[in-house]
């Protein structure tokens, strides 16, 4: 049987990079270099690339000239608004899921 207890490397890379952006360790405008990040995280470039794509989709990083990627220059107010929108969406989704849950699904919880 295969051990699937560890999350995929791309998820771990995403979590680390996102935390570094939010903490300010990776500063606004800072260029993200896949090879350097992969070496730092002890993984190959592919999971780092996947993590960067996810961060790009979520607005934490942005494409620069050519193939470069940089940390987005967020302002505190923008971050507050983004987190409020996310909170509302997650609350809505949780409420909707709870209303649509079957007795069998509730029993599993």
PDB file of N, CA and C in Angstrom:
ATOM      1  N   UNK A   1       0.842  -1.178   0.000  1.00  0.00           N
ATOM      2  CA  UNK A   1       0.000   0.000   0.000  1.00  0.00           C
ATOM      3  C   UNK A   1       0.889   1.243   0.000  1.00  0.00           C
ATOM      4  N   UNK A   2       0.511   2.218  -0.761  1.00  0.00           N
ATOM      5  CA  UNK A   2       1.282   3.443  -0.917  1.00  0.00           C
ATOM      6  C   UNK A   2       1.005   4.396   0.244  1.00  0.00           C
ATOM      7  N   UNK A   3       2.063   5.053   0.763  1.00  0.00           N
ATOM      8  CA  UNK A   3       1.915   6.007   1.855  1.00  0.00           C
ATOM      9  C   UNK A   3       1.649   7.391   1.280  1.00  0.00           C
ATOM     10  N   UNK A   4       0.445   7.897   1.483  1.00  0.00           N
ATOM     11  CA  UNK A   4       0.069   9.221   0.981  1.00  0.00           C
ATOM     12  C   UNK A   4      -0.068  10.231   2.109  1.00  0.00           C
ATOM     13  N   UNK A   5       0.648  10.016   3.219  1.00  0.00           N
ATOM     14  CA  UNK A   5       0.478  10.885   4.378  1.00  0.00           C
ATOM     15  C   UNK A   5       1.140  12.250   4.203  1.00  0.00           C
ATOM     16  N   UNK A   6       2.145  12.341   3.346  1.00  0.00           N
ATOM     17  CA  UNK A   6       2.801  13.630   3.128  1.00  0.00           C
ATOM     18  C   UNK A   6       2.098  14.386   2.014  1.00  0.00           C
ATOM     19  N   UNK A   7       1.940  15.696   2.190  1.00  0.00           N
ATOM     20  CA  UNK A   7       1.321  16.484   1.109  1.00  0.00           C
ATOM     21  C   UNK A   7       2.273  16.566  -0.077  1.00  0.00           C
ATOM     22  N   UNK A   8       1.731  16.818  -1.266  1.00  0.00           N
ATOM     23  CA  UNK A   8       2.604  16.975  -2.437  1.00  0.00           C
ATOM     24  C   UNK A   8       3.612  18.102  -2.214  1.00  0.00           C
ATOM     25  N   UNK A   9       4.773  17.961  -2.823  1.00  0.00           N
ATOM     26  CA  UNK A   9       5.831  18.966  -2.669  1.00  0.00           C
ATOM     27  C   UNK A   9       5.365  20.344  -3.119  1.00  0.00           C
ATOM     28  N   UNK A  10       4.493  20.394  -4.131  1.00  0.00           N
ATOM     29  CA  UNK A  10       4.008  21.695  -4.606  1.00  0.00           C
ATOM     30  C   UNK A  10       3.151  22.382  -3.547  1.00  0.00           C
ATOM     31  N   UNK A  11       2.382  21.601  -2.777  1.00  0.00           N
ATOM     32  CA  UNK A  11       1.574  22.179  -1.697  1.00  0.00           C
ATOM     33  C   UNK A  11       2.471  22.733  -0.597  1.00  0.00           C
ATOM     34  N   UNK A  12       3.498  21.975  -0.245  1.00  0.00           N
ATOM     35  CA  UNK A  12       4.440  22.437   0.779  1.00  0.00           C
ATOM     36  C   UNK A  12       5.165  23.696   0.318  1.00  0.00           C
ATOM     37  N   UNK A  13       5.594  23.702  -0.941  1.00  0.00           N
ATOM     38  CA  UNK A  13       6.277  24.879  -1.487  1.00  0.00           C
ATOM     39  C   UNK A  13       5.346  26.084  -1.476  1.00  0.00           C
ATOM     40  N   UNK A  14       4.096  25.873  -1.865  1.00  0.00           N
ATOM     41  CA  UNK A  14       3.103  26.952  -1.857  1.00  0.00           C
ATOM     42  C   UNK A  14       2.950  27.515  -0.446  1.00  0.00           C
ATOM     43  N   UNK A  15       2.783  26.631   0.533  1.00  0.00           N
ATOM     44  CA  UNK A  15       2.597  27.077   1.918  1.00  0.00           C
ATOM     45  C   UNK A  15       3.782  27.901   2.403  1.00  0.00           C
ATOM     46  N   UNK A  16       4.989  27.434   2.111  1.00  0.00           N
ATOM     47  CA  UNK A  16       6.196  28.140   2.551  1.00  0.00           C
ATOM     48  C   UNK A  16       6.314  29.492   1.855  1.00  0.00           C
ATOM     49  N   UNK A  17       6.137  29.507   0.543  1.00  0.00           N
ATOM     50  CA  UNK A  17       6.278  30.765  -0.203  1.00  0.00           C
ATOM     51  C   UNK A  17       5.209  31.773   0.193  1.00  0.00           C
ATOM     52  N   UNK A  18       3.988  31.314   0.356  1.00  0.00           N
ATOM     53  CA  UNK A  18       2.893  32.205   0.767  1.00  0.00           C
ATOM     54  C   UNK A  18       3.189  32.800   2.143  1.00  0.00           C
ATOM     55  N   UNK A  19       3.642  31.952   3.064  1.00  0.00           N
ATOM     56  CA  UNK A  19       3.982  32.431   4.408  1.00  0.00           C
ATOM     57  C   UNK A  19       5.116  33.453   4.351  1.00  0.00           C
ATOM     58  N   UNK A  20       6.097  33.216   3.502  1.00  0.00           N
ATOM     59  CA  UNK A  20       7.217  34.158   3.370  1.00  0.00           C
ATOM     60  C   UNK A  20       6.761  35.486   2.781  1.00  0.00           C
ATOM     61  N   UNK A  21       5.815  35.441   1.866  1.00  0.00           N
ATOM     62  CA  UNK A  21       5.280  36.681   1.296  1.00  0.00           C
ATOM     63  C   UNK A  21       4.500  37.442   2.357  1.00  0.00           C
ATOM     64  N   UNK A  22       3.619  36.745   3.068  1.00  0.00           N
ATOM     65  CA  UNK A  22       2.777  37.408   4.066  1.00  0.00           C
ATOM     66  C   UNK A  22       3.580  37.938   5.248  1.00  0.00           C
ATOM     67  N   UNK A  23       4.687  37.266   5.584  1.00  0.00           N
ATOM     68  CA  UNK A  23       5.515  37.717   6.703  1.00  0.00           C
ATOM     69  C   UNK A  23       6.451  38.853   6.305  1.00  0.00           C
ATOM     70  N   UNK A  24       6.601  39.061   4.989  1.00  0.00           N
ATOM     71  CA  UNK A  24       7.506  40.100   4.516  1.00  0.00           C
ATOM     72  C   UNK A  24       8.912  39.600   4.264  1.00  0.00           C
ATOM     73  N   UNK A  25       9.144  38.298   4.507  1.00  0.00           N
ATOM     74  CA  UNK A  25      10.462  37.733   4.224  1.00  0.00           C
ATOM     75  C   UNK A  25      10.776  37.843   2.730  1.00  0.00           C
ATOM     76  N   UNK A  26       9.763  37.598   1.902  1.00  0.00           N
ATOM     77  CA  UNK A  26       9.860  37.892   0.471  1.00  0.00           C
ATOM     78  C   UNK A  26       9.171  39.236   0.280  1.00  0.00           C
ATOM     79  N   UNK A  27       9.926  40.227  -0.122  1.00  0.00           N
ATOM     80  CA  UNK A  27       9.418  41.596  -0.141  1.00  0.00           C
ATOM     81  C   UNK A  27       8.737  41.946  -1.462  1.00  0.00           C
ATOM     82  N   UNK A  28       7.820  42.923  -1.430  1.00  0.00           N
ATOM     83  CA  UNK A  28       7.159  43.363  -2.658  1.00  0.00           C
ATOM     84  C   UNK A  28       8.180  43.758  -3.720  1.00  0.00           C
ATOM     85  N   UNK A  29       7.973  43.245  -4.922  1.00  0.00           N
ATOM     86  CA  UNK A  29       8.874  43.529  -6.026  1.00  0.00           C
ATOM     87  C   UNK A  29      10.033  42.558  -6.146  1.00  0.00           C
ATOM     88  N   UNK A  30      10.231  41.736  -5.119  1.00  0.00           N
ATOM     89  CA  UNK A  30      11.344  40.782  -5.150  1.00  0.00           C
ATOM     90  C   UNK A  30      11.109  39.720  -6.220  1.00  0.00           C
ATOM     91  N   UNK A  31      12.144  39.433  -6.969  1.00  0.00           N
ATOM     92  CA  UNK A  31      12.062  38.451  -8.051  1.00  0.00           C
ATOM     93  C   UNK A  31      12.155  37.042  -7.467  1.00  0.00           C
ATOM     94  N   UNK A  32      11.289  36.155  -7.947  1.00  0.00           N
ATOM     95  CA  UNK A  32      11.317  34.758  -7.526  1.00  0.00           C
ATOM     96  C   UNK A  32      12.045  33.943  -8.593  1.00  0.00           C
ATOM     97  N   UNK A  33      13.109  33.302  -8.199  1.00  0.00           N
ATOM     98  CA  UNK A  33      13.910  32.502  -9.120  1.00  0.00           C
ATOM     99  C   UNK A  33      13.708  31.036  -8.759  1.00  0.00           C
ATOM    100  N   UNK A  34      13.089  30.298  -9.677  1.00  0.00           N
ATOM    101  CA  UNK A  34      12.728  28.900  -9.421  1.00  0.00           C
ATOM    102  C   UNK A  34      13.906  28.081  -8.918  1.00  0.00           C
ATOM    103  N   UNK A  35      15.022  28.175  -9.588  1.00  0.00           N
ATOM    104  CA  UNK A  35      16.184  27.363  -9.238  1.00  0.00           C
ATOM    105  C   UNK A  35      16.657  27.656  -7.815  1.00  0.00           C
ATOM    106  N   UNK A  36      16.704  28.919  -7.450  1.00  0.00           N
ATOM    107  CA  UNK A  36      17.137  29.313  -6.112  1.00  0.00           C
ATOM    108  C   UNK A  36      16.146  28.830  -5.058  1.00  0.00           C
ATOM    109  N   UNK A  37      14.852  29.017  -5.331  1.00  0.00           N
ATOM    110  CA  UNK A  37      13.827  28.580  -4.385  1.00  0.00           C
ATOM    111  C   UNK A  37      13.834  27.063  -4.225  1.00  0.00           C
ATOM    112  N   UNK A  38      13.997  26.346  -5.332  1.00  0.00           N
ATOM    113  CA  UNK A  38      14.030  24.882  -5.280  1.00  0.00           C
ATOM    114  C   UNK A  38      15.190  24.403  -4.411  1.00  0.00           C
ATOM    115  N   UNK A  39      16.343  25.010  -4.592  1.00  0.00           N
ATOM    116  CA  UNK A  39      17.515  24.636  -3.792  1.00  0.00           C
ATOM    117  C   UNK A  39      17.268  24.947  -2.319  1.00  0.00           C
ATOM    118  N   UNK A  40      16.699  26.112  -2.051  1.00  0.00           N
ATOM    119  CA  UNK A  40      16.405  26.535  -0.683  1.00  0.00           C
ATOM    120  C   UNK A  40      15.417  25.586   0.003  1.00  0.00           C
ATOM    121  N   UNK A  41      14.421  25.115  -0.755  1.00  0.00           N
ATOM    122  CA  UNK A  41      13.392  24.237  -0.194  1.00  0.00           C
ATOM    123  C   UNK A  41      13.773  22.759  -0.263  1.00  0.00           C
ATOM    124  N   UNK A  42      14.847  22.450  -0.954  1.00  0.00           N
ATOM    125  CA  UNK A  42      15.301  21.067  -1.056  1.00  0.00           C
ATOM    126  C   UNK A  42      14.422  20.198  -1.941  1.00  0.00           C
ATOM    127  N   UNK A  43      13.851  20.812  -2.977  1.00  0.00           N
ATOM    128  CA  UNK A  43      12.977  20.088  -3.903  1.00  0.00           C
ATOM    129  C   UNK A  43      13.350  20.462  -5.332  1.00  0.00           C
ATOM    130  N   UNK A  44      12.734  19.784  -6.297  1.00  0.00           N
ATOM    131  CA  UNK A  44      13.008  20.099  -7.702  1.00  0.00           C
ATOM    132  C   UNK A  44      12.260  21.369  -8.115  1.00  0.00           C
ATOM    133  N   UNK A  45      12.555  21.839  -9.299  1.00  0.00           N
ATOM    134  CA  UNK A  45      11.935  23.073  -9.791  1.00  0.00           C
ATOM    135  C   UNK A  45      10.458  22.896 -10.125  1.00  0.00           C
ATOM    136  N   UNK A  46      10.041  21.696 -10.502  1.00  0.00           N
ATOM    137  CA  UNK A  46       8.651  21.483 -10.920  1.00  0.00           C
ATOM    138  C   UNK A  46       7.646  21.848  -9.829  1.00  0.00           C
ATOM    139  N   UNK A  47       7.790  21.355  -8.586  1.00  0.00           N
ATOM    140  CA  UNK A  47       6.824  21.758  -7.556  1.00  0.00           C
ATOM    141  C   UNK A  47       6.882  23.253  -7.236  1.00  0.00           C
ATOM    142  N   UNK A  48       8.070  23.838  -7.349  1.00  0.00           N
ATOM    143  CA  UNK A  48       8.203  25.283  -7.129  1.00  0.00           C
ATOM    144  C   UNK A  48       7.440  26.027  -8.218  1.00  0.00           C
ATOM    145  N   UNK A  49       7.591  25.576  -9.449  1.00  0.00           N
ATOM    146  CA  UNK A  49       6.880  26.193 -10.576  1.00  0.00           C
ATOM    147  C   UNK A  49       5.367  26.104 -10.361  1.00  0.00           C
ATOM    148  N   UNK A  50       4.884  24.945  -9.906  1.00  0.00           N
ATOM    149  CA  UNK A  50       3.452  24.770  -9.647  1.00  0.00           C
ATOM    150  C   UNK A  50       2.982  25.695  -8.523  1.00  0.00           C
ATOM    151  N   UNK A  51       3.794  25.827  -7.488  1.00  0.00           N
ATOM    152  CA  UNK A  51       3.452  26.716  -6.375  1.00  0.00           C
ATOM    153  C   UNK A  51       3.391  28.167  -6.846  1.00  0.00           C
ATOM    154  N   UNK A  52       4.336  28.565  -7.678  1.00  0.00           N
ATOM    155  CA  UNK A  52       4.356  29.934  -8.206  1.00  0.00           C
ATOM    156  C   UNK A  52       3.126  30.187  -9.073  1.00  0.00           C
ATOM    157  N   UNK A  53       2.738  29.208  -9.873  1.00  0.00           N
ATOM    158  CA  UNK A  53       1.517  29.361 -10.690  1.00  0.00           C
ATOM    159  C   UNK A  53       0.302  29.597  -9.801  1.00  0.00           C
ATOM    160  N   UNK A  54       0.225  28.855  -8.718  1.00  0.00           N
ATOM    161  CA  UNK A  54      -0.899  29.018  -7.783  1.00  0.00           C
ATOM    162  C   UNK A  54      -0.864  30.407  -7.138  1.00  0.00           C
ATOM    163  N   UNK A  55       0.313  30.848  -6.737  1.00  0.00           N
ATOM    164  CA  UNK A  55       0.459  32.183  -6.152  1.00  0.00           C
ATOM    165  C   UNK A  55       0.123  33.266  -7.171  1.00  0.00           C
ATOM    166  N   UNK A  56       0.470  33.030  -8.419  1.00  0.00           N
ATOM    167  CA  UNK A  56       0.140  33.958  -9.504  1.00  0.00           C
ATOM    168  C   UNK A  56      -1.373  34.052  -9.664  1.00  0.00           C
ATOM    169  N   UNK A  57      -2.028  32.908  -9.672  1.00  0.00           N
ATOM    170  CA  UNK A  57      -3.486  32.855  -9.809  1.00  0.00           C
ATOM    171  C   UNK A  57      -4.184  33.582  -8.654  1.00  0.00           C
ATOM    172  N   UNK A  58      -3.605  33.493  -7.464  1.00  0.00           N
ATOM    173  CA  UNK A  58      -4.203  34.121  -6.281  1.00  0.00           C
ATOM    174  C   UNK A  58      -3.773  35.569  -6.098  1.00  0.00           C
ATOM    175  N   UNK A  59      -2.871  36.050  -6.956  1.00  0.00           N
ATOM    176  CA  UNK A  59      -2.479  37.453  -6.900  1.00  0.00           C
ATOM    177  C   UNK A  59      -1.328  37.781  -5.970  1.00  0.00           C
ATOM    178  N   UNK A  60      -0.671  36.770  -5.399  1.00  0.00           N
ATOM    179  CA  UNK A  60       0.452  37.030  -4.504  1.00  0.00           C
ATOM    180  C   UNK A  60       1.723  37.374  -5.271  1.00  0.00           C
ATOM    181  N   UNK A  61       1.813  36.891  -6.508  1.00  0.00           N
ATOM    182  CA  UNK A  61       2.948  37.222  -7.367  1.00  0.00           C
ATOM    183  C   UNK A  61       2.405  37.663  -8.721  1.00  0.00           C
ATOM    184  N   UNK A  62       3.260  38.319  -9.492  1.00  0.00           N
ATOM    185  CA  UNK A  62       2.850  38.797 -10.812  1.00  0.00           C
ATOM    186  C   UNK A  62       3.974  38.561 -11.806  1.00  0.00           C
ATOM    187  N   UNK A  63       3.585  38.428 -13.066  1.00  0.00           N
ATOM    188  CA  UNK A  63       4.564  38.231 -14.130  1.00  0.00           C
ATOM    189  C   UNK A  63       5.261  39.550 -14.420  1.00  0.00           C
ATOM    190  N   UNK A  64       6.557  39.469 -14.588  1.00  0.00           N
ATOM    191  CA  UNK A  64       7.337  40.626 -14.983  1.00  0.00           C
ATOM    192  C   UNK A  64       7.682  40.510 -16.455  1.00  0.00           C
ATOM    193  N   UNK A  65       8.745  41.149 -16.852  1.00  0.00           N
ATOM    194  CA  UNK A  65       9.195  41.066 -18.243  1.00  0.00           C
ATOM    195  C   UNK A  65       9.755  39.673 -18.507  1.00  0.00           C
ATOM    196  N   UNK A  66       9.500  39.175 -19.696  1.00  0.00           N
ATOM    197  CA  UNK A  66       9.995  37.847 -20.049  1.00  0.00           C
ATOM    198  C   UNK A  66       9.338  36.784 -19.191  1.00  0.00           C
ATOM    199  N   UNK A  67      10.158  35.947 -18.595  1.00  0.00           N
ATOM    200  CA  UNK A  67       9.639  34.863 -17.762  1.00  0.00           C
ATOM    201  C   UNK A  67       9.753  35.165 -16.271  1.00  0.00           C
ATOM    202  N   UNK A  68      10.119  36.369 -15.918  1.00  0.00           N
ATOM    203  CA  UNK A  68      10.331  36.676 -14.506  1.00  0.00           C
ATOM    204  C   UNK A  68       9.011  36.766 -13.740  1.00  0.00           C
ATOM    205  N   UNK A  69       9.094  36.454 -12.467  1.00  0.00           N
ATOM    206  CA  UNK A  69       7.953  36.531 -11.559  1.00  0.00           C
ATOM    207  C   UNK A  69       8.399  37.306 -10.331  1.00  0.00           C
ATOM    208  N   UNK A  70       7.551  38.229  -9.898  1.00  0.00           N
ATOM    209  CA  UNK A  70       7.883  39.063  -8.739  1.00  0.00           C
ATOM    210  C   UNK A  70       6.751  39.044  -7.724  1.00  0.00           C
ATOM    211  N   UNK A  71       7.115  39.292  -6.469  1.00  0.00           N
ATOM    212  CA  UNK A  71       6.115  39.396  -5.409  1.00  0.00           C
ATOM    213  C   UNK A  71       5.284  40.648  -5.669  1.00  0.00           C
ATOM    214  N   UNK A  72       3.969  40.495  -5.603  1.00  0.00           N
ATOM    215  CA  UNK A  72       3.062  41.615  -5.833  1.00  0.00           C
ATOM    216  C   UNK A  72       3.236  42.654  -4.739  1.00  0.00           C
ATOM    217  N   UNK A  73       3.151  43.911  -5.128  1.00  0.00           N
ATOM    218  CA  UNK A  73       3.259  45.017  -4.182  1.00  0.00           C
ATOM    219  C   UNK A  73       1.878  45.297  -3.594  1.00  0.00           C
ATOM    220  N   UNK A  74       1.546  44.577  -2.532  1.00  0.00           N
ATOM    221  CA  UNK A  74       0.255  44.747  -1.868  1.00  0.00           C
ATOM    222  C   UNK A  74       0.321  45.892  -0.867  1.00  0.00           C
ATOM    223  N   UNK A  75      -0.810  46.490  -0.695  1.00  0.00           N
ATOM    224  CA  UNK A  75      -0.953  47.459   0.366  1.00  0.00           C
ATOM    225  C   UNK A  75      -1.822  46.831   1.440  1.00  0.00           C
ATOM    226  N   UNK A  76      -1.640  47.246   2.667  1.00  0.00           N
ATOM    227  CA  UNK A  76      -2.357  46.638   3.791  1.00  0.00           C
ATOM    228  C   UNK A  76      -3.868  46.640   3.562  1.00  0.00           C
ATOM    229  N   UNK A  77      -4.395  47.739   3.053  1.00  0.00           N
ATOM    230  CA  UNK A  77      -5.838  47.837   2.826  1.00  0.00           C
ATOM    231  C   UNK A  77      -6.311  46.803   1.800  1.00  0.00           C
ATOM    232  N   UNK A  78      -5.528  46.604   0.742  1.00  0.00           N
ATOM    233  CA  UNK A  78      -5.889  45.603  -0.272  1.00  0.00           C
ATOM    234  C   UNK A  78      -5.906  44.201   0.323  1.00  0.00           C
ATOM    235  N   UNK A  79      -4.900  43.889   1.141  1.00  0.00           N
ATOM    236  CA  UNK A  79      -4.860  42.572   1.781  1.00  0.00           C
ATOM    237  C   UNK A  79      -6.054  42.371   2.696  1.00  0.00           C
ATOM    238  N   UNK A  80      -6.400  43.396   3.453  1.00  0.00           N
ATOM    239  CA  UNK A  80      -7.555  43.309   4.345  1.00  0.00           C
ATOM    240  C   UNK A  80      -8.816  43.033   3.543  1.00  0.00           C
ATOM    241  N   UNK A  81      -8.979  43.722   2.427  1.00  0.00           N
ATOM    242  CA  UNK A  81     -10.155  43.508   1.579  1.00  0.00           C
ATOM    243  C   UNK A  81     -10.168  42.104   0.989  1.00  0.00           C
ATOM    244  N   UNK A  82      -9.017  41.628   0.534  1.00  0.00           N
ATOM    245  CA  UNK A  82      -8.935  40.282  -0.035  1.00  0.00           C
ATOM    246  C   UNK A  82      -9.293  39.217   0.997  1.00  0.00           C
ATOM    247  N   UNK A  83      -8.776  39.352   2.202  1.00  0.00           N
ATOM    248  CA  UNK A  83      -9.076  38.362   3.239  1.00  0.00           C
ATOM    249  C   UNK A  83     -10.539  38.419   3.658  1.00  0.00           C
ATOM    250  N   UNK A  84     -11.131  39.599   3.654  1.00  0.00           N
ATOM    251  CA  UNK A  84     -12.554  39.722   3.986  1.00  0.00           C
ATOM    252  C   UNK A  84     -13.406  39.039   2.922  1.00  0.00           C
ATOM    253  N   UNK A  85     -13.058  39.230   1.670  1.00  0.00           N
ATOM    254  CA  UNK A  85     -13.790  38.564   0.581  1.00  0.00           C
ATOM    255  C   UNK A  85     -13.652  37.054   0.714  1.00  0.00           C
ATOM    256  N   UNK A  86     -12.449  36.592   0.972  1.00  0.00           N
ATOM    257  CA  UNK A  86     -12.231  35.148   1.127  1.00  0.00           C
ATOM    258  C   UNK A  86     -13.034  34.608   2.302  1.00  0.00           C
ATOM    259  N   UNK A  87     -13.032  35.317   3.428  1.00  0.00           N
ATOM    260  CA  UNK A  87     -13.779  34.879   4.608  1.00  0.00           C
ATOM    261  C   UNK A  87     -15.260  34.742   4.281  1.00  0.00           C
ATOM    262  N   UNK A  88     -15.796  35.735   3.585  1.00  0.00           N
ATOM    263  CA  UNK A  88     -17.223  35.693   3.236  1.00  0.00           C
ATOM    264  C   UNK A  88     -17.541  34.534   2.298  1.00  0.00           C
ATOM    265  N   UNK A  89     -16.682  34.315   1.322  1.00  0.00           N
ATOM    266  CA  UNK A  89     -16.899  33.204   0.389  1.00  0.00           C
ATOM    267  C   UNK A  89     -16.831  31.856   1.103  1.00  0.00           C
ATOM    268  N   UNK A  90     -15.864  31.703   1.989  1.00  0.00           N
ATOM    269  CA  UNK A  90     -15.734  30.441   2.714  1.00  0.00           C
ATOM    270  C   UNK A  90     -16.921  30.212   3.644  1.00  0.00           C
ATOM    271  N   UNK A  91     -17.396  31.267   4.298  1.00  0.00           N
ATOM    272  CA  UNK A  91     -18.580  31.135   5.164  1.00  0.00           C
ATOM    273  C   UNK A  91     -19.806  30.751   4.339  1.00  0.00           C
ATOM    274  N   UNK A  92     -19.967  31.385   3.196  1.00  0.00           N
ATOM    275  CA  UNK A  92     -21.090  31.071   2.312  1.00  0.00           C
ATOM    276  C   UNK A  92     -21.020  29.614   1.862  1.00  0.00           C
ATOM    277  N   UNK A  93     -19.832  29.192   1.435  1.00  0.00           N
ATOM    278  CA  UNK A  93     -19.664  27.817   0.953  1.00  0.00           C
ATOM    279  C   UNK A  93     -19.923  26.807   2.066  1.00  0.00           C
ATOM    280  N   UNK A  94     -19.446  27.095   3.268  1.00  0.00           N
ATOM    281  CA  UNK A  94     -19.669  26.180   4.391  1.00  0.00           C
ATOM    282  C   UNK A  94     -21.153  26.094   4.732  1.00  0.00           C
ATOM    283  N   UNK A  95     -21.834  27.228   4.750  1.00  0.00           N
ATOM    284  CA  UNK A  95     -23.271  27.240   5.038  1.00  0.00           C
ATOM    285  C   UNK A  95     -24.063  26.487   3.989  1.00  0.00           C
ATOM    286  N   UNK A  96     -23.701  26.697   2.754  1.00  0.00           N
ATOM    287  CA  UNK A  96     -24.390  26.002   1.654  1.00  0.00           C
ATOM    288  C   UNK A  96     -24.157  24.495   1.731  1.00  0.00           C
ATOM    289  N   UNK A  97     -22.938  24.107   2.016  1.00  0.00           N
ATOM    290  CA  UNK A  97     -22.626  22.680   2.147  1.00  0.00           C
ATOM    291  C   UNK A  97     -23.393  22.063   3.312  1.00  0.00           C
ATOM    292  N   UNK A  98     -23.503  22.808   4.414  1.00  0.00           N
ATOM    293  CA  UNK A  98     -24.233  22.295   5.579  1.00  0.00           C
ATOM    294  C   UNK A  98     -25.712  22.112   5.261  1.00  0.00           C
ATOM    295  N   UNK A  99     -26.294  23.044   4.523  1.00  0.00           N
ATOM    296  CA  UNK A  99     -27.718  22.940   4.173  1.00  0.00           C
ATOM    297  C   UNK A  99     -27.982  21.793   3.205  1.00  0.00           C
ATOM    298  N   UNK A 100     -27.013  21.478   2.381  1.00  0.00           N
ATOM    299  CA  UNK A 100     -27.205  20.451   1.357  1.00  0.00           C
ATOM    300  C   UNK A 100     -26.755  19.063   1.813  1.00  0.00           C
ATOM    301  N   UNK A 101     -26.148  18.969   2.988  1.00  0.00           N
ATOM    302  CA  UNK A 101     -25.617  17.695   3.465  1.00  0.00           C
ATOM    303  C   UNK A 101     -26.743  16.716   3.780  1.00  0.00           C
ATOM    304  N   UNK A 102     -26.506  15.470   3.441  1.00  0.00           N
ATOM    305  CA  UNK A 102     -27.473  14.417   3.765  1.00  0.00           C
ATOM    306  C   UNK A 102     -27.236  13.950   5.195  1.00  0.00           C
ATOM    307  N   UNK A 103     -28.196  13.242   5.755  1.00  0.00           N
ATOM    308  CA  UNK A 103     -28.046  12.705   7.113  1.00  0.00           C
ATOM    309  C   UNK A 103     -26.828  11.788   7.199  1.00  0.00           C
ATOM    310  N   UNK A 104     -26.600  11.021   6.148  1.00  0.00           N
ATOM    311  CA  UNK A 104     -25.460  10.103   6.112  1.00  0.00           C
ATOM    312  C   UNK A 104     -24.140  10.883   6.156  1.00  0.00           C
ATOM    313  N   UNK A 105     -24.060  11.987   5.401  1.00  0.00           N
ATOM    314  CA  UNK A 105     -22.847  12.809   5.389  1.00  0.00           C
ATOM    315  C   UNK A 105     -22.622  13.477   6.741  1.00  0.00           C
ATOM    316  N   UNK A 106     -23.697  13.926   7.370  1.00  0.00           N
ATOM    317  CA  UNK A 106     -23.587  14.549   8.693  1.00  0.00           C
ATOM    318  C   UNK A 106     -23.117  13.526   9.716  1.00  0.00           C
ATOM    319  N   UNK A 107     -23.611  12.300   9.618  1.00  0.00           N
ATOM    320  CA  UNK A 107     -23.221  11.247  10.555  1.00  0.00           C
ATOM    321  C   UNK A 107     -21.726  10.947  10.462  1.00  0.00           C
ATOM    322  N   UNK A 108     -21.157  11.074   9.271  1.00  0.00           N
ATOM    323  CA  UNK A 108     -19.725  10.835   9.090  1.00  0.00           C
ATOM    324  C   UNK A 108     -18.881  11.881   9.812  1.00  0.00           C
ATOM    325  N   UNK A 109     -19.443  13.066   9.979  1.00  0.00           N
ATOM    326  CA  UNK A 109     -18.696  14.138  10.640  1.00  0.00           C
ATOM    327  C   UNK A 109     -18.622  13.871  12.120  1.00  0.00           C
TER     328      UNK A 109
END
